[in-house]
């Protein structure tokens, strides 16, 4: 089980292109968690997905299982199929990610998580704007009430006022387990500085970014080291 809060965690979202090579590189670079973006896999058969998850676990990395809905930037997959995949992959996972907007799926995913000693991450994405402070608080509170162990919210930012609002709300809710992301170039700072305000996980990339504003892993680690979020590695 991943230990949240002991140190900032770096997660790498991956599809199944050059999967083994990418995961091995992630291990070499000190990434903590692989986010399996199963909605982006070319093959979503259970044996195939389990095989990929097993490879990650053999390398000792954590797993976030994500089957992102089309509504929030993923692929259209039926609830029936998503539930089958979550059940199959949960024994290999540390965290199951389900969107707050996937209301018919939340209870099922929470149940699957509990049965497999996973954490449930309830996520919310707005690719157009950053909501008001009150609306962000409602998202956090509703996610917690639905059974979230971790609440993740990602908003498109258009100004530093948007960035400030996200970080301030996060800081006010530091007693909860949160992942706060400001999407876009202006929000890049939250990918690293969010840790100071209570965000527990940052998402990075190797090669090509999965989302706007992500910081490449080598640069991210360099910045985290400079600002004291990582300890210097010793031989």
C-alpha atoms as a PDB file:
ATOM      1  CA  UNK A   1       0.000   0.000   0.000  1.00  0.00           C
ATOM      2  CA  UNK A   2       1.286   3.460  -0.868  1.00  0.00           C
ATOM      3  CA  UNK A   3       1.973   5.640   2.145  1.00  0.00           C
ATOM      4  CA  UNK A   4       0.408   9.016   1.488  1.00  0.00           C
ATOM      5  CA  UNK A   5       1.775  12.077   3.213  1.00  0.00           C
ATOM      6  CA  UNK A   6       5.170  10.740   4.237  1.00  0.00           C
ATOM      7  CA  UNK A   7       6.732  12.359   1.175  1.00  0.00           C
ATOM      8  CA  UNK A   8       5.498  13.926  -2.065  1.00  0.00           C
ATOM      9  CA  UNK A   9       4.644  11.212  -4.593  1.00  0.00           C
ATOM     10  CA  UNK A  10       5.448  11.418  -8.298  1.00  0.00           C
ATOM     11  CA  UNK A  11       3.024   9.636 -10.630  1.00  0.00           C
ATOM     12  CA  UNK A  12       3.503   8.840 -14.311  1.00  0.00           C
ATOM     13  CA  UNK A  13       0.386   8.352 -16.464  1.00  0.00           C
ATOM     14  CA  UNK A  14       0.967   5.715 -19.158  1.00  0.00           C
ATOM     15  CA  UNK A  15      -0.906   4.120 -22.022  1.00  0.00           C
ATOM     16  CA  UNK A  16       0.291   0.799 -23.447  1.00  0.00           C
ATOM     17  CA  UNK A  17       2.626   2.169 -26.138  1.00  0.00           C
ATOM     18  CA  UNK A  18       6.203   1.024 -25.395  1.00  0.00           C
ATOM     19  CA  UNK A  19       4.822   0.103 -22.002  1.00  0.00           C
ATOM     20  CA  UNK A  20       7.636  -2.006 -20.543  1.00  0.00           C
ATOM     21  CA  UNK A  21      10.341   0.407 -21.696  1.00  0.00           C
ATOM     22  CA  UNK A  22       8.464   3.390 -20.244  1.00  0.00           C
ATOM     23  CA  UNK A  23       7.827   1.702 -16.890  1.00  0.00           C
ATOM     24  CA  UNK A  24      11.454   0.569 -16.609  1.00  0.00           C
ATOM     25  CA  UNK A  25      12.592   4.142 -17.317  1.00  0.00           C
ATOM     26  CA  UNK A  26      10.156   5.387 -14.668  1.00  0.00           C
ATOM     27  CA  UNK A  27      11.726   3.019 -12.154  1.00  0.00           C
ATOM     28  CA  UNK A  28      15.215   4.250 -13.058  1.00  0.00           C
ATOM     29  CA  UNK A  29      14.151   7.873 -12.646  1.00  0.00           C
ATOM     30  CA  UNK A  30      12.694   7.350  -9.177  1.00  0.00           C
ATOM     31  CA  UNK A  31       9.018   7.709 -10.044  1.00  0.00           C
ATOM     32  CA  UNK A  32       6.799   6.332  -7.274  1.00  0.00           C
ATOM     33  CA  UNK A  33       3.525   5.485  -8.983  1.00  0.00           C
ATOM     34  CA  UNK A  34       2.358   4.404 -12.425  1.00  0.00           C
ATOM     35  CA  UNK A  35      -1.089   5.641 -13.404  1.00  0.00           C
ATOM     36  CA  UNK A  36      -2.502   3.015 -15.737  1.00  0.00           C
ATOM     37  CA  UNK A  37      -4.642   5.021 -18.159  1.00  0.00           C
ATOM     38  CA  UNK A  38      -6.585   1.969 -19.235  1.00  0.00           C
ATOM     39  CA  UNK A  39      -9.027   4.122 -21.185  1.00  0.00           C
ATOM     40  CA  UNK A  40      -6.099   4.826 -23.542  1.00  0.00           C
ATOM     41  CA  UNK A  41      -4.996   1.193 -23.929  1.00  0.00           C
ATOM     42  CA  UNK A  42      -5.207  -0.387 -27.390  1.00  0.00           C
ATOM     43  CA  UNK A  43      -6.401  -3.618 -25.753  1.00  0.00           C
ATOM     44  CA  UNK A  44      -8.622  -3.633 -22.673  1.00  0.00           C
ATOM     45  CA  UNK A  45      -9.066  -7.394 -22.341  1.00  0.00           C
ATOM     46  CA  UNK A  46      -8.636  -8.519 -18.740  1.00  0.00           C
ATOM     47  CA  UNK A  47      -5.641 -10.782 -19.330  1.00  0.00           C
ATOM     48  CA  UNK A  48      -3.827  -8.018 -21.189  1.00  0.00           C
ATOM     49  CA  UNK A  49      -4.509  -5.374 -18.535  1.00  0.00           C
ATOM     50  CA  UNK A  50      -3.563  -7.712 -15.689  1.00  0.00           C
ATOM     51  CA  UNK A  51      -0.326  -8.536 -17.479  1.00  0.00           C
ATOM     52  CA  UNK A  52       0.613  -4.860 -17.637  1.00  0.00           C
ATOM     53  CA  UNK A  53      -0.277  -4.326 -13.972  1.00  0.00           C
ATOM     54  CA  UNK A  54       1.761  -7.375 -12.947  1.00  0.00           C
ATOM     55  CA  UNK A  55       4.803  -5.978 -14.739  1.00  0.00           C
ATOM     56  CA  UNK A  56       4.516  -2.721 -12.786  1.00  0.00           C
ATOM     57  CA  UNK A  57       4.188  -4.517  -9.447  1.00  0.00           C
ATOM     58  CA  UNK A  58       7.192  -6.742 -10.196  1.00  0.00           C
ATOM     59  CA  UNK A  59       9.269  -3.561 -10.393  1.00  0.00           C
ATOM     60  CA  UNK A  60       7.964  -2.441  -7.004  1.00  0.00           C
ATOM     61  CA  UNK A  61       6.056   0.603  -8.220  1.00  0.00           C
ATOM     62  CA  UNK A  62       2.648   1.734  -7.013  1.00  0.00           C
ATOM     63  CA  UNK A  63      -0.403   1.670  -9.296  1.00  0.00           C
ATOM     64  CA  UNK A  64      -3.240   4.128  -9.785  1.00  0.00           C
ATOM     65  CA  UNK A  65      -5.896   2.499 -11.962  1.00  0.00           C
ATOM     66  CA  UNK A  66      -7.759   5.022 -14.094  1.00  0.00           C
ATOM     67  CA  UNK A  67     -10.463   4.292 -16.668  1.00  0.00           C
ATOM     68  CA  UNK A  68     -11.270   7.895 -17.487  1.00  0.00           C
ATOM     69  CA  UNK A  69     -14.748   8.640 -18.829  1.00  0.00           C
ATOM     70  CA  UNK A  70     -15.207  10.375 -22.168  1.00  0.00           C
ATOM     71  CA  UNK A  71     -16.904  13.243 -20.328  1.00  0.00           C
ATOM     72  CA  UNK A  72     -13.658  14.046 -18.520  1.00  0.00           C
ATOM     73  CA  UNK A  73     -11.089  13.519 -21.255  1.00  0.00           C
ATOM     74  CA  UNK A  74     -11.059   9.738 -21.603  1.00  0.00           C
ATOM     75  CA  UNK A  75     -12.795   7.206 -23.828  1.00  0.00           C
ATOM     76  CA  UNK A  76     -16.381   6.008 -23.962  1.00  0.00           C
ATOM     77  CA  UNK A  77     -16.464   2.667 -22.117  1.00  0.00           C
ATOM     78  CA  UNK A  78     -19.646   1.205 -20.684  1.00  0.00           C
ATOM     79  CA  UNK A  79     -20.151   1.087 -16.915  1.00  0.00           C
ATOM     80  CA  UNK A  80     -20.350  -2.695 -17.189  1.00  0.00           C
ATOM     81  CA  UNK A  81     -16.934  -2.891 -18.840  1.00  0.00           C
ATOM     82  CA  UNK A  82     -15.380  -0.390 -16.456  1.00  0.00           C
ATOM     83  CA  UNK A  83     -16.626  -2.364 -13.456  1.00  0.00           C
ATOM     84  CA  UNK A  84     -15.198  -5.620 -14.890  1.00  0.00           C
ATOM     85  CA  UNK A  85     -11.787  -3.992 -15.362  1.00  0.00           C
ATOM     86  CA  UNK A  86     -11.769  -2.366 -11.916  1.00  0.00           C
ATOM     87  CA  UNK A  87     -12.578  -5.721 -10.293  1.00  0.00           C
ATOM     88  CA  UNK A  88      -9.841  -7.509 -12.238  1.00  0.00           C
ATOM     89  CA  UNK A  89      -7.152  -4.907 -11.640  1.00  0.00           C
ATOM     90  CA  UNK A  90      -7.941  -3.961  -8.024  1.00  0.00           C
ATOM     91  CA  UNK A  91      -5.808  -6.769  -6.487  1.00  0.00           C
ATOM     92  CA  UNK A  92      -2.768  -5.205  -8.194  1.00  0.00           C
ATOM     93  CA  UNK A  93      -3.684  -1.590  -7.468  1.00  0.00           C
ATOM     94  CA  UNK A  94      -2.990   0.845  -4.669  1.00  0.00           C
ATOM     95  CA  UNK A  95      -5.525   3.450  -5.781  1.00  0.00           C
ATOM     96  CA  UNK A  96      -8.659   3.277  -7.941  1.00  0.00           C
ATOM     97  CA  UNK A  97      -9.571   6.570  -9.627  1.00  0.00           C
ATOM     98  CA  UNK A  98     -13.229   7.312 -10.436  1.00  0.00           C
ATOM     99  CA  UNK A  99     -14.742  10.628 -11.507  1.00  0.00           C
ATOM    100  CA  UNK A 100     -17.229  12.462  -9.312  1.00  0.00           C
ATOM    101  CA  UNK A 101     -19.371  12.824 -12.441  1.00  0.00           C
ATOM    102  CA  UNK A 102     -19.552   9.013 -12.860  1.00  0.00           C
ATOM    103  CA  UNK A 103     -22.304   8.858 -10.261  1.00  0.00           C
ATOM    104  CA  UNK A 104     -23.513   5.378 -11.219  1.00  0.00           C
ATOM    105  CA  UNK A 105     -19.990   3.993 -10.710  1.00  0.00           C
ATOM    106  CA  UNK A 106     -18.806   5.599  -7.477  1.00  0.00           C
ATOM    107  CA  UNK A 107     -20.440   3.222  -4.992  1.00  0.00           C
ATOM    108  CA  UNK A 108     -19.241   0.226  -7.011  1.00  0.00           C
ATOM    109  CA  UNK A 109     -15.654   1.467  -7.106  1.00  0.00           C
ATOM    110  CA  UNK A 110     -15.650   2.321  -3.389  1.00  0.00           C
ATOM    111  CA  UNK A 111     -16.876  -1.222  -2.666  1.00  0.00           C
ATOM    112  CA  UNK A 112     -14.237  -2.787  -4.935  1.00  0.00           C
ATOM    113  CA  UNK A 113     -11.539  -0.687  -3.253  1.00  0.00           C
ATOM    114  CA  UNK A 114     -12.553  -1.750   0.234  1.00  0.00           C
ATOM    115  CA  UNK A 115     -12.684  -5.407  -0.765  1.00  0.00           C
ATOM    116  CA  UNK A 116      -9.136  -5.213  -2.138  1.00  0.00           C
ATOM    117  CA  UNK A 117      -7.535  -2.904   0.423  1.00  0.00           C
ATOM    118  CA  UNK A 118      -7.184  -0.096  -2.128  1.00  0.00           C
ATOM    119  CA  UNK A 119      -7.766   3.620  -1.729  1.00  0.00           C
ATOM    120  CA  UNK A 120     -10.546   5.322  -3.680  1.00  0.00           C
ATOM    121  CA  UNK A 121      -9.550   8.525  -5.439  1.00  0.00           C
ATOM    122  CA  UNK A 122     -12.545  10.562  -6.578  1.00  0.00           C
ATOM    123  CA  UNK A 123     -11.533  13.010  -9.283  1.00  0.00           C
ATOM    124  CA  UNK A 124     -13.023  16.108 -10.852  1.00  0.00           C
ATOM    125  CA  UNK A 125     -11.815  17.864 -14.009  1.00  0.00           C
ATOM    126  CA  UNK A 126     -12.863  21.149 -15.580  1.00  0.00           C
ATOM    127  CA  UNK A 127     -10.997  21.799 -18.831  1.00  0.00           C
ATOM    128  CA  UNK A 128     -12.613  25.208 -19.362  1.00  0.00           C
ATOM    129  CA  UNK A 129     -12.256  27.182 -16.127  1.00  0.00           C
ATOM    130  CA  UNK A 130     -11.455  27.351 -12.418  1.00  0.00           C
ATOM    131  CA  UNK A 131     -14.633  27.437 -10.288  1.00  0.00           C
ATOM    132  CA  UNK A 132     -15.192  29.749  -7.343  1.00  0.00           C
ATOM    133  CA  UNK A 133     -13.765  28.888  -3.936  1.00  0.00           C
ATOM    134  CA  UNK A 134     -17.223  27.868  -2.773  1.00  0.00           C
ATOM    135  CA  UNK A 135     -17.696  25.506  -5.717  1.00  0.00           C
ATOM    136  CA  UNK A 136     -14.293  23.901  -5.178  1.00  0.00           C
ATOM    137  CA  UNK A 137     -15.164  23.358  -1.519  1.00  0.00           C
ATOM    138  CA  UNK A 138     -18.434  21.705  -2.555  1.00  0.00           C
ATOM    139  CA  UNK A 139     -16.492  19.352  -4.852  1.00  0.00           C
ATOM    140  CA  UNK A 140     -14.191  18.381  -1.984  1.00  0.00           C
ATOM    141  CA  UNK A 141     -17.039  17.895   0.491  1.00  0.00           C
ATOM    142  CA  UNK A 142     -19.203  15.911  -1.927  1.00  0.00           C
ATOM    143  CA  UNK A 143     -16.285  13.643  -2.859  1.00  0.00           C
ATOM    144  CA  UNK A 144     -15.555  12.943   0.801  1.00  0.00           C
ATOM    145  CA  UNK A 145     -19.228  12.223   1.470  1.00  0.00           C
ATOM    146  CA  UNK A 146     -19.225   9.721  -1.412  1.00  0.00           C
ATOM    147  CA  UNK A 147     -16.401   7.764   0.187  1.00  0.00           C
ATOM    148  CA  UNK A 148     -13.236   9.290  -1.252  1.00  0.00           C
ATOM    149  CA  UNK A 149     -10.007   8.432   0.524  1.00  0.00           C
ATOM    150  CA  UNK A 150      -8.319  10.942  -1.802  1.00  0.00           C
ATOM    151  CA  UNK A 151      -9.921  13.901  -3.580  1.00  0.00           C
ATOM    152  CA  UNK A 152      -8.335  15.051  -6.829  1.00  0.00           C
ATOM    153  CA  UNK A 153      -9.392  18.205  -8.653  1.00  0.00           C
ATOM    154  CA  UNK A 154      -7.887  19.660 -11.796  1.00  0.00           C
ATOM    155  CA  UNK A 155      -9.007  22.998 -13.244  1.00  0.00           C
ATOM    156  CA  UNK A 156      -8.034  25.036 -16.277  1.00  0.00           C
ATOM    157  CA  UNK A 157      -6.433  28.276 -15.114  1.00  0.00           C
ATOM    158  CA  UNK A 158      -6.441  31.558 -17.020  1.00  0.00           C
ATOM    159  CA  UNK A 159      -4.779  33.796 -14.433  1.00  0.00           C
ATOM    160  CA  UNK A 160      -2.632  33.638 -11.332  1.00  0.00           C
ATOM    161  CA  UNK A 161      -5.777  34.501  -9.368  1.00  0.00           C
ATOM    162  CA  UNK A 162      -7.107  31.097 -10.461  1.00  0.00           C
ATOM    163  CA  UNK A 163      -3.878  29.446  -9.316  1.00  0.00           C
ATOM    164  CA  UNK A 164      -4.022  31.235  -5.971  1.00  0.00           C
ATOM    165  CA  UNK A 165      -7.639  30.174  -5.421  1.00  0.00           C
ATOM    166  CA  UNK A 166      -6.846  26.504  -6.003  1.00  0.00           C
ATOM    167  CA  UNK A 167      -3.869  26.559  -3.646  1.00  0.00           C
ATOM    168  CA  UNK A 168      -5.708  28.502  -0.929  1.00  0.00           C
ATOM    169  CA  UNK A 169      -8.669  26.102  -0.900  1.00  0.00           C
ATOM    170  CA  UNK A 170      -6.244  23.195  -0.796  1.00  0.00           C
ATOM    171  CA  UNK A 171      -4.410  24.709   2.154  1.00  0.00           C
ATOM    172  CA  UNK A 172      -7.694  25.170   4.042  1.00  0.00           C
ATOM    173  CA  UNK A 173      -8.423  21.458   3.587  1.00  0.00           C
ATOM    174  CA  UNK A 174      -4.997  20.096   4.493  1.00  0.00           C
ATOM    175  CA  UNK A 175      -6.600  17.737   6.995  1.00  0.00           C
ATOM    176  CA  UNK A 176      -7.907  15.744   4.011  1.00  0.00           C
ATOM    177  CA  UNK A 177      -5.962  13.757   1.417  1.00  0.00           C
ATOM    178  CA  UNK A 178      -5.938  15.954  -1.679  1.00  0.00           C
ATOM    179  CA  UNK A 179      -4.408  16.178  -5.128  1.00  0.00           C
ATOM    180  CA  UNK A 180      -4.690  19.719  -6.497  1.00  0.00           C
ATOM    181  CA  UNK A 181      -3.809  20.584 -10.094  1.00  0.00           C
ATOM    182  CA  UNK A 182      -4.028  23.801 -12.091  1.00  0.00           C
ATOM    183  CA  UNK A 183      -3.990  22.851 -15.773  1.00  0.00           C
ATOM    184  CA  UNK A 184      -2.243  24.983 -18.366  1.00  0.00           C
ATOM    185  CA  UNK A 185       1.073  26.787 -18.540  1.00  0.00           C
ATOM    186  CA  UNK A 186       0.138  29.276 -15.800  1.00  0.00           C
ATOM    187  CA  UNK A 187      -0.693  26.367 -13.530  1.00  0.00           C
ATOM    188  CA  UNK A 188       2.655  24.674 -13.958  1.00  0.00           C
ATOM    189  CA  UNK A 189       3.764  25.946 -10.533  1.00  0.00           C
ATOM    190  CA  UNK A 190       1.122  23.803  -8.794  1.00  0.00           C
ATOM    191  CA  UNK A 191       2.700  20.646 -10.180  1.00  0.00           C
ATOM    192  CA  UNK A 192       5.511  21.166  -7.716  1.00  0.00           C
ATOM    193  CA  UNK A 193       4.580  23.883  -5.196  1.00  0.00           C
ATOM    194  CA  UNK A 194       1.229  22.226  -4.517  1.00  0.00           C
ATOM    195  CA  UNK A 195       3.011  20.031  -1.987  1.00  0.00           C
ATOM    196  CA  UNK A 196       3.501  23.060   0.271  1.00  0.00           C
ATOM    197  CA  UNK A 197      -0.272  23.594   0.341  1.00  0.00           C
ATOM    198  CA  UNK A 198      -1.340  20.019   1.025  1.00  0.00           C
ATOM    199  CA  UNK A 199      -1.371  18.303  -2.377  1.00  0.00           C
ATOM    200  CA  UNK A 200       0.035  14.771  -2.083  1.00  0.00           C
ATOM    201  CA  UNK A 201       0.690  13.596  -5.653  1.00  0.00           C
ATOM    202  CA  UNK A 202       2.033  15.280  -8.770  1.00  0.00           C
ATOM    203  CA  UNK A 203       1.774  13.876 -12.294  1.00  0.00           C
ATOM    204  CA  UNK A 204       4.772  14.004 -14.585  1.00  0.00           C
ATOM    205  CA  UNK A 205       5.743  12.716 -18.026  1.00  0.00           C
ATOM    206  CA  UNK A 206       8.505  11.045 -19.976  1.00  0.00           C
ATOM    207  CA  UNK A 207       8.564  11.975 -23.654  1.00  0.00           C
ATOM    208  CA  UNK A 208       5.083  13.392 -24.299  1.00  0.00           C
ATOM    209  CA  UNK A 209       2.832  15.024 -21.684  1.00  0.00           C
ATOM    210  CA  UNK A 210      -0.590  13.522 -20.948  1.00  0.00           C
ATOM    211  CA  UNK A 211      -2.032  16.855 -19.762  1.00  0.00           C
ATOM    212  CA  UNK A 212      -1.286  20.582 -20.227  1.00  0.00           C
ATOM    213  CA  UNK A 213       1.198  22.028 -17.754  1.00  0.00           C
ATOM    214  CA  UNK A 214       2.829  18.779 -16.672  1.00  0.00           C
ATOM    215  CA  UNK A 215       6.556  19.053 -15.931  1.00  0.00           C
ATOM    216  CA  UNK A 216       9.006  16.533 -17.403  1.00  0.00           C
ATOM    217  CA  UNK A 217      10.289  14.204 -14.695  1.00  0.00           C
ATOM    218  CA  UNK A 218      13.953  15.282 -14.662  1.00  0.00           C
ATOM    219  CA  UNK A 219      13.016  18.968 -14.444  1.00  0.00           C
ATOM    220  CA  UNK A 220      10.338  18.205 -11.834  1.00  0.00           C
ATOM    221  CA  UNK A 221      12.786  16.345  -9.600  1.00  0.00           C
ATOM    222  CA  UNK A 222      15.368  19.098 -10.007  1.00  0.00           C
ATOM    223  CA  UNK A 223      12.837  21.705  -8.861  1.00  0.00           C
ATOM    224  CA  UNK A 224      11.561  19.523  -6.014  1.00  0.00           C
ATOM    225  CA  UNK A 225      15.131  19.001  -4.819  1.00  0.00           C
ATOM    226  CA  UNK A 226      15.876  22.733  -4.999  1.00  0.00           C
ATOM    227  CA  UNK A 227      12.811  23.636  -2.934  1.00  0.00           C
ATOM    228  CA  UNK A 228      13.330  20.875  -0.386  1.00  0.00           C
ATOM    229  CA  UNK A 229      10.502  18.523  -1.390  1.00  0.00           C
ATOM    230  CA  UNK A 230      12.997  15.751  -2.203  1.00  0.00           C
ATOM    231  CA  UNK A 231      16.078  14.612  -0.341  1.00  0.00           C
ATOM    232  CA  UNK A 232      19.276  14.456  -2.330  1.00  0.00           C
ATOM    233  CA  UNK A 233      20.110  10.913  -3.398  1.00  0.00           C
ATOM    234  CA  UNK A 234      23.311   9.518  -1.931  1.00  0.00           C
ATOM    235  CA  UNK A 235      25.555   6.784  -3.311  1.00  0.00           C
END
